Amino acid sequence: MHVTHSPNGTRASADPDRVPLTRARVMTPTEVAELLQMPLSTVYYLARSGQLPHSRLGRSYRFLRDEIETLLRGERR
């Protein structure tokens, strides 16, 4: 990813269509388990098996709220 600096000194992504990640958009496995009303172990199992879209940061799993909600609505991306 190419990062540029805006005139006010803040960092800006080179891709203007990309939505910035915020704490409200990124979920932990515990938050996903609460949303889906399922055990935390099931969230990890579904993520490892590729059934829940996720990203790994080291040993941590992170989920995008938009992708989880799309999955719940039965839409495909």
C-alpha atoms as a PDB file:
ATOM      1  CA  MET A   1       0.000   0.000   0.000  1.00  0.00           C
ATOM      2  CA  HIS A   2       1.311   3.406  -0.912  1.00  0.00           C
ATOM      3  CA  VAL A   3       0.823   6.067   1.747  1.00  0.00           C
ATOM      4  CA  THR A   4       0.947   9.768   1.026  1.00  0.00           C
ATOM      5  CA  HIS A   5       0.886  12.714   3.362  1.00  0.00           C
ATOM      6  CA  SER A   6      -1.880  15.257   3.018  1.00  0.00           C
ATOM      7  CA  PRO A   7      -1.220  19.006   3.286  1.00  0.00           C
ATOM      8  CA  ASN A   8      -2.225  19.017   6.964  1.00  0.00           C
ATOM      9  CA  GLY A   9       0.443  16.401   7.730  1.00  0.00           C
ATOM     10  CA  THR A  10      -1.854  13.411   8.235  1.00  0.00           C
ATOM     11  CA  ARG A  11      -1.359  10.152   6.410  1.00  0.00           C
ATOM     12  CA  ALA A  12      -3.703   9.356   3.546  1.00  0.00           C
ATOM     13  CA  SER A  13      -4.098   6.200   1.511  1.00  0.00           C
ATOM     14  CA  ALA A  14      -3.285   6.379  -2.174  1.00  0.00           C
ATOM     15  CA  ASP A  15      -6.592   4.607  -2.905  1.00  0.00           C
ATOM     16  CA  PRO A  16      -9.430   7.133  -2.424  1.00  0.00           C
ATOM     17  CA  ASP A  17     -12.101   4.383  -2.767  1.00  0.00           C
ATOM     18  CA  ARG A  18     -10.757   2.440   0.218  1.00  0.00           C
ATOM     19  CA  VAL A  19     -12.810   2.845   3.385  1.00  0.00           C
ATOM     20  CA  PRO A  20     -10.566   3.476   6.394  1.00  0.00           C
ATOM     21  CA  LEU A  21     -10.545   0.821   9.093  1.00  0.00           C
ATOM     22  CA  THR A  22     -11.986   1.940  12.385  1.00  0.00           C
ATOM     23  CA  ARG A  23     -12.511   0.198  15.702  1.00  0.00           C
ATOM     24  CA  ALA A  24     -16.210  -0.109  14.842  1.00  0.00           C
ATOM     25  CA  ARG A  25     -15.427  -1.978  11.591  1.00  0.00           C
ATOM     26  CA  VAL A  26     -12.849  -4.445  12.958  1.00  0.00           C
ATOM     27  CA  MET A  27     -14.065  -7.166  15.300  1.00  0.00           C
ATOM     28  CA  THR A  28     -12.317  -9.585  17.631  1.00  0.00           C
ATOM     29  CA  PRO A  29     -13.290 -13.270  17.767  1.00  0.00           C
ATOM     30  CA  THR A  30     -15.132 -12.611  21.052  1.00  0.00           C
ATOM     31  CA  GLU A  31     -17.218  -9.871  19.432  1.00  0.00           C
ATOM     32  CA  VAL A  32     -18.029 -12.143  16.478  1.00  0.00           C
ATOM     33  CA  ALA A  33     -19.071 -14.925  18.859  1.00  0.00           C
ATOM     34  CA  GLU A  34     -21.408 -12.530  20.665  1.00  0.00           C
ATOM     35  CA  LEU A  35     -22.880 -11.236  17.399  1.00  0.00           C
ATOM     36  CA  LEU A  36     -23.434 -14.733  16.019  1.00  0.00           C
ATOM     37  CA  GLN A  37     -24.500 -16.110  19.410  1.00  0.00           C
ATOM     38  CA  MET A  38     -22.143 -19.066  19.216  1.00  0.00           C
ATOM     39  CA  PRO A  39     -19.223 -20.385  21.252  1.00  0.00           C
ATOM     40  CA  LEU A  40     -15.847 -18.724  20.747  1.00  0.00           C
ATOM     41  CA  SER A  41     -14.348 -22.103  19.799  1.00  0.00           C
ATOM     42  CA  THR A  42     -16.835 -22.331  16.908  1.00  0.00           C
ATOM     43  CA  VAL A  43     -15.778 -18.897  15.617  1.00  0.00           C
ATOM     44  CA  TYR A  44     -12.146 -20.061  15.550  1.00  0.00           C
ATOM     45  CA  TYR A  45     -13.117 -23.336  13.868  1.00  0.00           C
ATOM     46  CA  LEU A  46     -15.158 -21.542  11.173  1.00  0.00           C
ATOM     47  CA  ALA A  47     -12.327 -19.063  10.568  1.00  0.00           C
ATOM     48  CA  ARG A  48      -9.675 -21.800  10.285  1.00  0.00           C
ATOM     49  CA  SER A  49     -11.878 -23.816   7.919  1.00  0.00           C
ATOM     50  CA  GLY A  50     -12.420 -20.777   5.665  1.00  0.00           C
ATOM     51  CA  GLN A  51     -16.122 -20.391   6.393  1.00  0.00           C
ATOM     52  CA  LEU A  52     -15.704 -17.032   8.179  1.00  0.00           C
ATOM     53  CA  PRO A  53     -13.707 -14.336   6.373  1.00  0.00           C
ATOM     54  CA  HIS A  54     -10.863 -13.082   8.562  1.00  0.00           C
ATOM     55  CA  SER A  55      -7.324 -11.759   8.680  1.00  0.00           C
ATOM     56  CA  ARG A  56      -4.477 -12.899  10.852  1.00  0.00           C
ATOM     57  CA  LEU A  57      -2.188 -10.471  12.633  1.00  0.00           C
ATOM     58  CA  GLY A  58       0.461 -12.664  14.140  1.00  0.00           C
ATOM     59  CA  ARG A  59      -1.523 -15.140  16.226  1.00  0.00           C
ATOM     60  CA  SER A  60      -4.573 -12.856  16.445  1.00  0.00           C
ATOM     61  CA  TYR A  61      -7.692 -13.171  14.322  1.00  0.00           C
ATOM     62  CA  ARG A  62      -9.583 -10.062  13.173  1.00  0.00           C
ATOM     63  CA  PHE A  63     -12.875  -9.859  11.306  1.00  0.00           C
ATOM     64  CA  LEU A  64     -14.464  -7.053   9.284  1.00  0.00           C
ATOM     65  CA  ARG A  65     -17.993  -6.277  10.438  1.00  0.00           C
ATOM     66  CA  ASP A  66     -19.147  -5.633   6.832  1.00  0.00           C
ATOM     67  CA  GLU A  67     -18.009  -9.103   5.733  1.00  0.00           C
ATOM     68  CA  ILE A  68     -19.670 -10.831   8.694  1.00  0.00           C
ATOM     69  CA  GLU A  69     -22.928  -8.943   8.113  1.00  0.00           C
ATOM     70  CA  THR A  70     -22.817  -9.788   4.378  1.00  0.00           C
ATOM     71  CA  LEU A  71     -22.383 -13.439   5.296  1.00  0.00           C
ATOM     72  CA  LEU A  72     -25.338 -13.271   7.687  1.00  0.00           C
ATOM     73  CA  ARG A  73     -27.568 -11.770   4.993  1.00  0.00           C
ATOM     74  CA  GLY A  74     -26.637 -14.650   2.706  1.00  0.00           C
ATOM     75  CA  GLU A  75     -25.028 -12.395   0.102  1.00  0.00           C
ATOM     76  CA  ARG A  76     -21.913 -13.449  -1.720  1.00  0.00           C
ATOM     77  CA  ARG A  77     -18.938 -11.217  -2.389  1.00  0.00           C
END
